[in-house]
Amino acid sequence: MDHSQAVKIVGASGQISLGKKYAGQTVLIENIEEGVWVLKLAKVIPDNELWMHAEPKKTQIDEAISWATENPPEETDLESLSGRIS
């Protein structure tokens, strides 16, 4: 882990540049105390997608992906399928 320090100036608009390396990324800002912040890179999950990351759906989705990986799609023989339906 790289521990480094840098001196930055807060601009007139209240912004600090972290550099192009972090451009467009989402960060979590934790205000520890007055004048002390911890910034962490973060991934945000929209509320309407949280169900996919909670049990039991997460396990079901993981199992479905695993099954699909082990069972690649194949062309359906429609005549054979038609005979099984009748």
Protein backbone atom coordinates (compact mmCIF):
# COMPACT_ATOMS: atom_id res chain seq x y z
CA MET A 1 0.00 0.00 0.00
CA ASP A 2 1.34 3.39 -0.99
CA HIS A 3 1.08 5.99 1.74
CA SER A 4 1.79 9.41 0.34
CA GLN A 5 0.92 12.96 1.17
CA ALA A 6 0.29 15.92 -1.06
CA VAL A 7 -0.52 19.54 -0.42
CA LYS A 8 -3.54 20.76 -2.38
CA ILE A 9 -5.24 24.15 -2.42
CA VAL A 10 -9.01 24.29 -2.15
CA GLY A 11 -10.15 26.48 -5.03
CA ALA A 12 -12.61 29.35 -4.80
CA SER A 13 -15.43 26.97 -5.78
CA GLY A 14 -14.53 24.55 -2.94
CA GLN A 15 -12.97 21.92 -5.21
CA ILE A 16 -9.76 19.93 -4.88
CA SER A 17 -8.20 18.14 -7.87
CA LEU A 18 -7.08 14.57 -7.22
CA GLY A 19 -5.56 14.28 -10.68
CA LYS A 20 -6.62 12.76 -13.98
CA LYS A 21 -6.07 9.24 -12.63
CA TYR A 22 -9.31 9.58 -10.65
CA ALA A 23 -11.31 11.60 -13.18
CA GLY A 24 -14.91 10.38 -13.46
CA GLN A 25 -14.64 7.94 -10.54
CA THR A 26 -17.03 7.90 -7.60
CA VAL A 27 -15.59 8.58 -4.16
CA LEU A 28 -16.98 8.21 -0.66
CA ILE A 29 -16.05 11.15 1.55
CA GLU A 30 -16.03 10.47 5.28
CA ASN A 31 -15.85 13.51 7.54
CA ILE A 32 -13.92 12.20 10.56
CA GLU A 33 -13.90 15.52 12.39
CA GLU A 34 -13.73 19.20 11.48
CA GLY A 35 -11.05 19.51 8.80
CA VAL A 36 -10.32 15.77 8.57
CA TRP A 37 -11.66 13.75 5.64
CA VAL A 38 -11.07 10.24 4.34
CA LEU A 39 -11.72 9.67 0.63
CA LYS A 40 -12.32 6.14 -0.67
CA LEU A 41 -13.04 4.98 -4.20
CA ALA A 42 -16.53 3.51 -4.27
CA LYS A 43 -18.92 1.57 -6.48
CA VAL A 44 -22.53 2.63 -6.11
CA ILE A 45 -25.44 0.21 -6.51
CA PRO A 46 -28.75 1.83 -7.47
CA ASP A 47 -31.58 1.12 -5.00
CA ASN A 48 -33.60 -0.77 -7.59
CA GLU A 49 -30.68 -3.20 -8.13
CA LEU A 50 -29.88 -3.96 -4.48
CA TRP A 51 -32.06 -7.09 -4.55
CA MET A 52 -29.49 -8.75 -6.84
CA HIS A 53 -26.81 -8.40 -4.16
CA ALA A 54 -28.85 -9.75 -1.24
CA GLU A 55 -29.53 -13.39 -0.38
CA PRO A 56 -31.13 -15.55 -1.60
CA LYS A 57 -31.17 -13.83 -5.02
CA LYS A 58 -27.38 -13.35 -5.12
CA THR A 59 -26.78 -17.11 -4.78
CA GLN A 60 -29.52 -17.89 -7.31
CA ILE A 61 -27.99 -15.49 -9.85
CA ASP A 62 -24.48 -16.89 -9.23
CA GLU A 63 -25.81 -20.43 -9.75
CA ALA A 64 -27.61 -19.41 -12.95
CA ILE A 65 -24.45 -17.81 -14.33
CA SER A 66 -22.45 -20.92 -13.44
CA TRP A 67 -25.04 -23.17 -15.13
CA ALA A 68 -25.05 -20.99 -18.26
CA THR A 69 -21.25 -21.15 -18.41
CA GLU A 70 -21.29 -24.96 -18.20
CA ASN A 71 -24.23 -25.34 -20.63
CA PRO A 72 -23.59 -23.25 -23.72
CA PRO A 73 -26.57 -22.57 -26.00
CA GLU A 74 -27.20 -25.00 -28.84
CA GLU A 75 -29.48 -24.97 -31.84
CA THR A 76 -32.94 -26.39 -31.18
CA ASP A 77 -34.23 -29.19 -33.39
CA LEU A 78 -37.74 -27.83 -33.93
CA GLU A 79 -39.09 -31.06 -35.44
CA SER A 80 -37.95 -33.08 -32.43
CA LEU A 81 -39.33 -30.46 -30.05
CA SER A 82 -42.65 -30.42 -31.91
CA GLY A 83 -42.91 -34.20 -31.57
CA ARG A 84 -42.33 -34.03 -27.81
CA ILE A 85 -45.04 -31.40 -27.36
CA SER A 86 -47.76 -33.30 -29.25
